């Protein structure tokens, strides 16, 4: 997704990620945010926040999405909460592979997990304080 300013220049962009995942004995259609960025000269104008809020609304309106999960650096949590996402204290996303996992609580990471639960049968309690295996492989290791 991209937000274009008045002069036609991309002011902010982000990537939406999609996958099926198993958790707590159930298969979910998950989405995530990645590569959220605002052009340096456009920072401080609210473009990033508007774009993240628009992404959340688009994902919530998508009947093919049960939940949205992603991680961010701890100082960015208020930014994503302002766009409507919920912090999941103690929740850990585990990427990589089962043989070579990469978890958001690994040493040197300072990550928090955020979520939204647009699916009508998606219970937020199943994700609170949980270790959630995403296992995307060794190339795109975290999601």
N, C-alpha and C. Protein backbone atom coordinates (compact mmCIF):
# COMPACT_ATOMS: atom_id res chain seq x y z
N UNK A 1 0.85 -1.17 0.00
CA UNK A 1 0.00 0.00 0.00
C UNK A 1 0.90 1.23 0.00
N UNK A 2 0.40 2.31 -0.59
CA UNK A 2 1.16 3.56 -0.62
C UNK A 2 0.22 4.74 -0.39
N UNK A 3 0.75 5.75 0.23
CA UNK A 3 0.04 7.01 0.40
C UNK A 3 0.79 8.05 -0.42
N UNK A 4 0.08 8.69 -1.34
CA UNK A 4 0.68 9.66 -2.24
C UNK A 4 0.28 11.05 -1.77
N UNK A 5 1.26 11.98 -1.68
CA UNK A 5 0.94 13.33 -1.23
C UNK A 5 0.41 14.17 -2.40
N UNK A 6 0.13 15.42 -2.14
CA UNK A 6 -0.53 16.30 -3.12
C UNK A 6 0.26 16.48 -4.41
N UNK A 7 1.58 16.36 -4.36
CA UNK A 7 2.35 16.55 -5.59
C UNK A 7 2.60 15.24 -6.34
N UNK A 8 1.94 14.15 -5.91
CA UNK A 8 2.04 12.88 -6.61
C UNK A 8 3.21 12.01 -6.18
N UNK A 9 3.91 12.41 -5.13
CA UNK A 9 5.05 11.66 -4.64
C UNK A 9 4.60 10.68 -3.55
N UNK A 10 5.16 9.49 -3.55
CA UNK A 10 4.85 8.52 -2.50
C UNK A 10 5.42 9.06 -1.19
N UNK A 11 4.54 9.30 -0.22
CA UNK A 11 4.95 9.83 1.07
C UNK A 11 5.21 8.71 2.08
N UNK A 12 4.45 7.62 1.97
CA UNK A 12 4.60 6.50 2.90
C UNK A 12 4.16 5.23 2.19
N UNK A 13 4.74 4.11 2.62
CA UNK A 13 4.34 2.83 2.04
C UNK A 13 4.49 1.73 3.07
N UNK A 14 3.84 0.63 2.80
CA UNK A 14 3.96 -0.56 3.64
C UNK A 14 3.63 -1.78 2.79
N UNK A 15 4.05 -2.92 3.27
CA UNK A 15 3.74 -4.19 2.61
C UNK A 15 2.73 -4.95 3.46
N UNK A 16 1.77 -5.56 2.79
CA UNK A 16 0.82 -6.45 3.46
C UNK A 16 1.22 -7.88 3.15
N UNK A 17 1.30 -8.68 4.19
CA UNK A 17 1.71 -10.08 4.07
C UNK A 17 0.52 -10.97 4.39
N UNK A 18 0.41 -12.10 3.70
CA UNK A 18 -0.71 -13.01 3.91
C UNK A 18 -0.21 -14.45 3.95
N UNK A 19 -0.82 -15.24 4.83
CA UNK A 19 -0.49 -16.67 4.89
C UNK A 19 -1.53 -17.39 5.73
N UNK A 20 -1.63 -18.70 5.50
CA UNK A 20 -2.40 -19.54 6.41
C UNK A 20 -1.45 -20.02 7.49
N UNK A 21 -1.96 -20.11 8.70
CA UNK A 21 -1.13 -20.57 9.82
C UNK A 21 -1.98 -21.41 10.76
N UNK A 22 -1.30 -22.32 11.45
CA UNK A 22 -1.98 -23.15 12.45
C UNK A 22 -1.59 -22.64 13.83
N UNK A 23 -2.59 -22.56 14.69
CA UNK A 23 -2.34 -22.15 16.07
C UNK A 23 -3.46 -22.70 16.94
N UNK A 24 -3.09 -23.29 18.05
CA UNK A 24 -4.06 -23.82 19.02
C UNK A 24 -5.07 -24.75 18.36
N UNK A 25 -4.57 -25.61 17.43
CA UNK A 25 -5.41 -26.61 16.80
C UNK A 25 -6.34 -26.10 15.71
N UNK A 26 -6.11 -24.88 15.26
CA UNK A 26 -6.99 -24.30 14.24
C UNK A 26 -6.17 -23.65 13.14
N UNK A 27 -6.70 -23.58 11.94
CA UNK A 27 -6.05 -22.88 10.84
C UNK A 27 -6.68 -21.50 10.70
N UNK A 28 -5.80 -20.51 10.61
CA UNK A 28 -6.24 -19.11 10.47
C UNK A 28 -5.69 -18.53 9.18
N UNK A 29 -6.43 -17.59 8.61
CA UNK A 29 -5.95 -16.80 7.48
C UNK A 29 -5.40 -15.51 8.08
N UNK A 30 -4.09 -15.42 8.10
CA UNK A 30 -3.42 -14.31 8.79
C UNK A 30 -2.88 -13.30 7.80
N UNK A 31 -2.80 -12.08 8.26
CA UNK A 31 -2.17 -10.99 7.51
C UNK A 31 -1.20 -10.30 8.46
N UNK A 32 -0.25 -9.59 7.89
CA UNK A 32 0.71 -8.84 8.69
C UNK A 32 1.15 -7.60 7.96
N UNK A 33 1.73 -6.67 8.70
CA UNK A 33 2.31 -5.46 8.13
C UNK A 33 3.82 -5.62 8.13
N UNK A 34 4.46 -5.06 7.11
CA UNK A 34 5.91 -5.10 7.04
C UNK A 34 6.40 -3.87 6.28
N UNK A 35 7.65 -3.54 6.49
CA UNK A 35 8.33 -2.48 5.74
C UNK A 35 7.55 -1.17 5.74
N UNK A 36 7.04 -0.78 6.91
CA UNK A 36 6.33 0.50 7.03
C UNK A 36 7.36 1.62 7.02
N UNK A 37 7.22 2.54 6.09
CA UNK A 37 8.22 3.60 5.94
C UNK A 37 7.55 4.88 5.46
N UNK A 38 8.05 6.01 5.96
CA UNK A 38 7.65 7.33 5.48
C UNK A 38 8.88 8.02 4.92
N UNK A 39 8.71 8.62 3.76
CA UNK A 39 9.82 9.35 3.14
C UNK A 39 10.33 10.39 4.14
N UNK A 40 11.64 10.50 4.23
CA UNK A 40 12.26 11.38 5.22
C UNK A 40 11.69 12.79 5.18
N UNK A 41 11.53 13.35 4.01
CA UNK A 41 11.04 14.73 3.88
C UNK A 41 9.56 14.88 4.17
N UNK A 42 8.85 13.75 4.33
CA UNK A 42 7.42 13.80 4.61
C UNK A 42 7.09 13.44 6.06
N UNK A 43 8.08 13.16 6.86
CA UNK A 43 7.84 12.76 8.25
C UNK A 43 7.25 13.90 9.07
N UNK A 44 6.47 13.51 10.07
CA UNK A 44 5.87 14.48 10.97
C UNK A 44 4.55 15.05 10.47
N UNK A 45 4.05 14.56 9.37
CA UNK A 45 2.78 15.07 8.81
C UNK A 45 1.62 14.09 9.01
N UNK A 46 1.87 12.97 9.67
CA UNK A 46 0.81 12.00 9.92
C UNK A 46 0.56 11.01 8.80
N UNK A 47 1.40 11.04 7.76
CA UNK A 47 1.19 10.13 6.64
C UNK A 47 1.31 8.66 7.07
N UNK A 48 2.32 8.33 7.84
CA UNK A 48 2.51 6.95 8.26
C UNK A 48 1.33 6.45 9.07
N UNK A 49 0.87 7.26 10.00
CA UNK A 49 -0.28 6.87 10.82
C UNK A 49 -1.54 6.69 9.99
N UNK A 50 -1.76 7.58 9.04
CA UNK A 50 -2.92 7.45 8.16
C UNK A 50 -2.85 6.18 7.33
N UNK A 51 -1.65 5.87 6.83
CA UNK A 51 -1.50 4.67 6.01
C UNK A 51 -1.70 3.40 6.83
N UNK A 52 -1.13 3.35 8.02
CA UNK A 52 -1.29 2.17 8.87
C UNK A 52 -2.76 1.99 9.27
N UNK A 53 -3.45 3.08 9.58
CA UNK A 53 -4.88 3.00 9.90
C UNK A 53 -5.68 2.52 8.68
N UNK A 54 -5.32 2.97 7.49
CA UNK A 54 -6.01 2.53 6.27
C UNK A 54 -5.74 1.05 6.01
N UNK A 55 -4.53 0.60 6.28
CA UNK A 55 -4.22 -0.82 6.12
C UNK A 55 -5.04 -1.66 7.08
N UNK A 56 -5.14 -1.21 8.32
CA UNK A 56 -5.94 -1.93 9.31
C UNK A 56 -7.40 -2.01 8.86
N UNK A 57 -7.94 -0.90 8.37
CA UNK A 57 -9.34 -0.89 7.91
C UNK A 57 -9.52 -1.82 6.71
N UNK A 58 -8.58 -1.81 5.79
CA UNK A 58 -8.68 -2.68 4.60
C UNK A 58 -8.63 -4.14 5.01
N UNK A 59 -7.76 -4.49 5.93
CA UNK A 59 -7.65 -5.87 6.37
C UNK A 59 -8.89 -6.29 7.16
N UNK A 60 -9.43 -5.39 7.97
CA UNK A 60 -10.64 -5.69 8.74
C UNK A 60 -11.83 -5.93 7.82
N UNK A 61 -11.85 -5.26 6.68
CA UNK A 61 -12.96 -5.40 5.74
C UNK A 61 -12.80 -6.61 4.81
N UNK A 62 -11.65 -7.25 4.84
CA UNK A 62 -11.37 -8.37 3.96
C UNK A 62 -11.91 -9.66 4.59
N UNK A 63 -12.93 -10.28 4.01
CA UNK A 63 -13.48 -11.50 4.62
C UNK A 63 -12.52 -12.68 4.61
N UNK A 64 -11.42 -12.56 3.87
CA UNK A 64 -10.43 -13.64 3.83
C UNK A 64 -9.38 -13.51 4.93
N UNK A 65 -9.52 -12.53 5.81
CA UNK A 65 -8.54 -12.31 6.88
C UNK A 65 -9.20 -12.58 8.23
N UNK A 66 -8.64 -13.55 8.98
CA UNK A 66 -9.12 -13.85 10.32
C UNK A 66 -8.44 -13.01 11.39
N UNK A 67 -7.15 -12.78 11.19
CA UNK A 67 -6.40 -12.00 12.16
C UNK A 67 -5.21 -11.32 11.49
N UNK A 68 -4.74 -10.27 12.16
CA UNK A 68 -3.56 -9.54 11.71
C UNK A 68 -2.54 -9.64 12.84
N UNK A 69 -1.32 -10.07 12.52
CA UNK A 69 -0.24 -10.20 13.50
C UNK A 69 1.04 -9.64 12.92
N UNK A 70 1.77 -8.89 13.71
CA UNK A 70 3.09 -8.42 13.29
C UNK A 70 3.85 -7.97 14.53
N UNK A 71 5.14 -7.80 14.37
CA UNK A 71 5.95 -7.30 15.47
C UNK A 71 6.56 -5.97 15.09
N UNK A 72 6.92 -5.22 16.13
CA UNK A 72 7.59 -3.93 15.90
C UNK A 72 8.54 -3.67 17.06
N UNK A 73 9.41 -2.69 16.88
CA UNK A 73 10.28 -2.27 17.97
C UNK A 73 9.41 -1.66 19.08
N UNK A 74 9.77 -1.89 20.33
CA UNK A 74 8.97 -1.42 21.47
C UNK A 74 8.61 0.07 21.39
N UNK A 75 9.52 0.95 21.02
CA UNK A 75 9.15 2.37 20.99
C UNK A 75 8.05 2.71 19.98
N UNK A 76 7.78 1.81 19.02
CA UNK A 76 6.76 2.07 18.01
C UNK A 76 5.36 1.59 18.41
N UNK A 77 5.24 0.92 19.54
CA UNK A 77 3.94 0.39 19.96
C UNK A 77 2.87 1.48 20.01
N UNK A 78 3.09 2.65 20.62
CA UNK A 78 2.03 3.67 20.64
C UNK A 78 1.58 4.12 19.24
N UNK A 79 2.51 4.16 18.28
CA UNK A 79 2.17 4.51 16.90
C UNK A 79 1.14 3.53 16.34
N UNK A 80 1.38 2.23 16.51
CA UNK A 80 0.46 1.21 15.98
C UNK A 80 -0.83 1.14 16.79
N UNK A 81 -0.74 1.35 18.10
CA UNK A 81 -1.96 1.39 18.92
C UNK A 81 -2.86 2.55 18.49
N UNK A 82 -2.27 3.68 18.14
CA UNK A 82 -3.05 4.83 17.69
C UNK A 82 -3.81 4.52 16.40
N UNK A 83 -3.31 3.58 15.62
CA UNK A 83 -3.98 3.17 14.38
C UNK A 83 -5.01 2.07 14.63
N UNK A 84 -5.16 1.64 15.88
CA UNK A 84 -6.19 0.66 16.22
C UNK A 84 -5.72 -0.74 16.51
N UNK A 85 -4.42 -0.99 16.44
CA UNK A 85 -3.91 -2.33 16.74
C UNK A 85 -3.77 -2.50 18.25
N UNK A 86 -3.81 -3.76 18.70
CA UNK A 86 -3.73 -4.09 20.11
C UNK A 86 -2.41 -4.80 20.40
N UNK A 87 -1.70 -4.34 21.43
CA UNK A 87 -0.47 -5.00 21.86
C UNK A 87 -0.84 -6.29 22.57
N UNK A 88 -0.08 -7.35 22.29
CA UNK A 88 -0.29 -8.64 22.93
C UNK A 88 0.88 -8.93 23.87
N UNK A 89 0.81 -8.48 25.13
CA UNK A 89 1.92 -8.69 26.05
C UNK A 89 2.27 -10.17 26.20
N UNK A 90 3.55 -10.46 26.12
CA UNK A 90 4.03 -11.82 26.30
C UNK A 90 3.89 -12.71 25.08
N UNK A 91 3.28 -12.22 24.01
CA UNK A 91 3.14 -13.02 22.79
C UNK A 91 4.44 -12.93 22.00
N UNK A 92 4.84 -14.06 21.42
CA UNK A 92 6.07 -14.15 20.65
C UNK A 92 5.76 -14.75 19.29
N UNK A 93 6.24 -14.10 18.22
CA UNK A 93 6.15 -14.67 16.88
C UNK A 93 7.44 -15.44 16.63
N UNK A 94 7.31 -16.66 16.09
CA UNK A 94 8.47 -17.48 15.82
C UNK A 94 8.56 -17.72 14.31
N UNK A 95 9.60 -17.18 13.72
CA UNK A 95 9.83 -17.32 12.29
C UNK A 95 10.91 -18.36 12.03
N UNK A 96 11.55 -18.22 10.88
CA UNK A 96 12.58 -19.18 10.50
C UNK A 96 11.98 -20.53 10.16
N UNK A 97 12.58 -21.57 10.68
CA UNK A 97 12.08 -22.94 10.51
C UNK A 97 12.08 -23.61 11.87
N UNK A 98 11.41 -24.76 12.02
CA UNK A 98 11.48 -25.45 13.31
C UNK A 98 12.91 -25.80 13.70
N UNK A 99 13.77 -26.08 12.71
CA UNK A 99 15.16 -26.43 12.99
C UNK A 99 16.02 -25.20 13.28
N UNK A 100 15.66 -24.05 12.69
CA UNK A 100 16.39 -22.79 12.88
C UNK A 100 15.40 -21.67 13.14
N UNK A 101 14.78 -21.67 14.34
CA UNK A 101 13.77 -20.66 14.64
C UNK A 101 14.37 -19.27 14.86
N UNK A 102 13.58 -18.27 14.57
CA UNK A 102 13.92 -16.87 14.86
C UNK A 102 12.71 -16.27 15.56
N UNK A 103 12.85 -16.02 16.85
CA UNK A 103 11.72 -15.56 17.65
C UNK A 103 11.86 -14.09 18.02
N UNK A 104 10.73 -13.43 18.18
CA UNK A 104 10.75 -12.00 18.51
C UNK A 104 11.25 -11.74 19.93
N UNK A 105 11.44 -12.79 20.73
CA UNK A 105 12.03 -12.61 22.06
C UNK A 105 13.48 -13.09 22.11
N UNK A 106 14.09 -13.28 20.94
CA UNK A 106 15.48 -13.72 20.89
C UNK A 106 16.40 -12.63 21.44
N UNK A 107 17.54 -13.01 22.00
CA UNK A 107 18.49 -12.01 22.50
C UNK A 107 18.83 -10.99 21.41
N UNK A 108 18.82 -9.72 21.79
CA UNK A 108 19.12 -8.66 20.85
C UNK A 108 17.90 -8.08 20.15
N UNK A 109 16.77 -8.79 20.21
CA UNK A 109 15.52 -8.25 19.66
C UNK A 109 14.82 -7.50 20.78
N UNK A 110 14.19 -6.41 20.45
CA UNK A 110 13.40 -5.67 21.43
C UNK A 110 12.03 -5.44 20.79
N UNK A 111 11.31 -6.53 20.58
CA UNK A 111 10.07 -6.51 19.81
C UNK A 111 8.84 -6.70 20.68
N UNK A 112 7.75 -6.15 20.19
CA UNK A 112 6.42 -6.39 20.74
C UNK A 112 5.55 -6.91 19.61
N UNK A 113 4.55 -7.69 19.94
CA UNK A 113 3.62 -8.21 18.95
C UNK A 113 2.31 -7.44 19.06
N UNK A 114 1.81 -7.03 17.90
CA UNK A 114 0.53 -6.33 17.82
C UNK A 114 -0.42 -7.14 16.97
N UNK A 115 -1.73 -6.91 17.17
CA UNK A 115 -2.71 -7.71 16.47
C UNK A 115 -4.01 -6.95 16.26
N UNK A 116 -4.82 -7.50 15.39
CA UNK A 116 -6.21 -7.11 15.21
C UNK A 116 -6.95 -8.40 14.88
N UNK A 117 -8.20 -8.48 15.26
CA UNK A 117 -8.95 -9.73 15.14
C UNK A 117 -10.27 -9.51 14.40
N UNK A 118 -10.19 -9.28 13.08
CA UNK A 118 -11.42 -9.01 12.34
C UNK A 118 -12.30 -10.23 12.09
N UNK A 119 -11.73 -11.43 12.16
CA UNK A 119 -12.52 -12.65 11.90
C UNK A 119 -13.57 -12.87 12.96
N UNK A 120 -14.78 -13.21 12.57
CA UNK A 120 -15.86 -13.35 13.56
C UNK A 120 -15.63 -14.48 14.56
N UNK A 121 -14.85 -15.48 14.19
CA UNK A 121 -14.61 -16.61 15.09
C UNK A 121 -13.18 -16.63 15.62
N UNK A 122 -12.48 -15.50 15.55
CA UNK A 122 -11.10 -15.44 16.01
C UNK A 122 -11.08 -14.93 17.44
N UNK A 123 -10.65 -15.78 18.36
CA UNK A 123 -10.65 -15.44 19.78
C UNK A 123 -9.31 -14.83 20.18
N UNK A 124 -9.28 -13.55 20.52
CA UNK A 124 -8.02 -12.92 20.94
C UNK A 124 -7.32 -13.64 22.08
N UNK A 125 -8.08 -14.25 22.97
CA UNK A 125 -7.49 -14.94 24.13
C UNK A 125 -6.56 -16.07 23.70
N UNK A 126 -6.81 -16.67 22.53
CA UNK A 126 -5.96 -17.77 22.06
C UNK A 126 -4.57 -17.29 21.68
N UNK A 127 -4.39 -15.98 21.52
CA UNK A 127 -3.11 -15.44 21.08
C UNK A 127 -2.37 -14.67 22.18
N UNK A 128 -3.04 -14.41 23.29
CA UNK A 128 -2.43 -13.65 24.38
C UNK A 128 -1.38 -14.50 25.09
N UNK A 129 -0.16 -13.98 25.18
CA UNK A 129 0.91 -14.66 25.88
C UNK A 129 1.37 -15.95 25.22
N UNK A 130 1.07 -16.14 23.94
CA UNK A 130 1.37 -17.39 23.24
C UNK A 130 2.63 -17.27 22.39
N UNK A 131 3.21 -18.40 22.10
CA UNK A 131 4.28 -18.51 21.10
C UNK A 131 3.60 -18.94 19.81
N UNK A 132 3.69 -18.12 18.78
CA UNK A 132 2.96 -18.35 17.54
C UNK A 132 3.96 -18.67 16.44
N UNK A 133 3.88 -19.89 15.93
CA UNK A 133 4.80 -20.36 14.91
C UNK A 133 4.34 -19.90 13.53
N UNK A 134 5.14 -19.07 12.89
CA UNK A 134 4.87 -18.64 11.52
C UNK A 134 5.72 -19.41 10.52
N UNK A 135 6.93 -19.75 10.88
CA UNK A 135 7.87 -20.55 10.09
C UNK A 135 7.84 -20.27 8.58
N UNK A 136 8.24 -19.08 8.15
CA UNK A 136 8.24 -18.77 6.72
C UNK A 136 9.44 -19.33 5.96
N UNK A 137 10.44 -19.80 6.67
CA UNK A 137 11.64 -20.31 6.02
C UNK A 137 12.86 -19.47 6.35
N UNK A 138 13.93 -19.70 5.64
CA UNK A 138 15.20 -19.06 5.97
C UNK A 138 15.48 -17.80 5.16
N UNK A 139 14.66 -17.50 4.15
CA UNK A 139 14.90 -16.29 3.36
C UNK A 139 14.23 -15.09 4.00
N UNK A 140 12.91 -15.11 4.08
CA UNK A 140 12.16 -14.03 4.72
C UNK A 140 11.84 -14.53 6.12
N UNK A 141 12.79 -14.45 7.02
CA UNK A 141 12.82 -15.24 8.24
C UNK A 141 11.77 -14.96 9.29
N UNK A 142 11.18 -13.76 9.33
CA UNK A 142 10.30 -13.49 10.45
C UNK A 142 8.83 -13.63 10.11
N UNK A 143 8.42 -13.36 8.91
CA UNK A 143 7.01 -13.46 8.57
C UNK A 143 6.90 -14.09 7.23
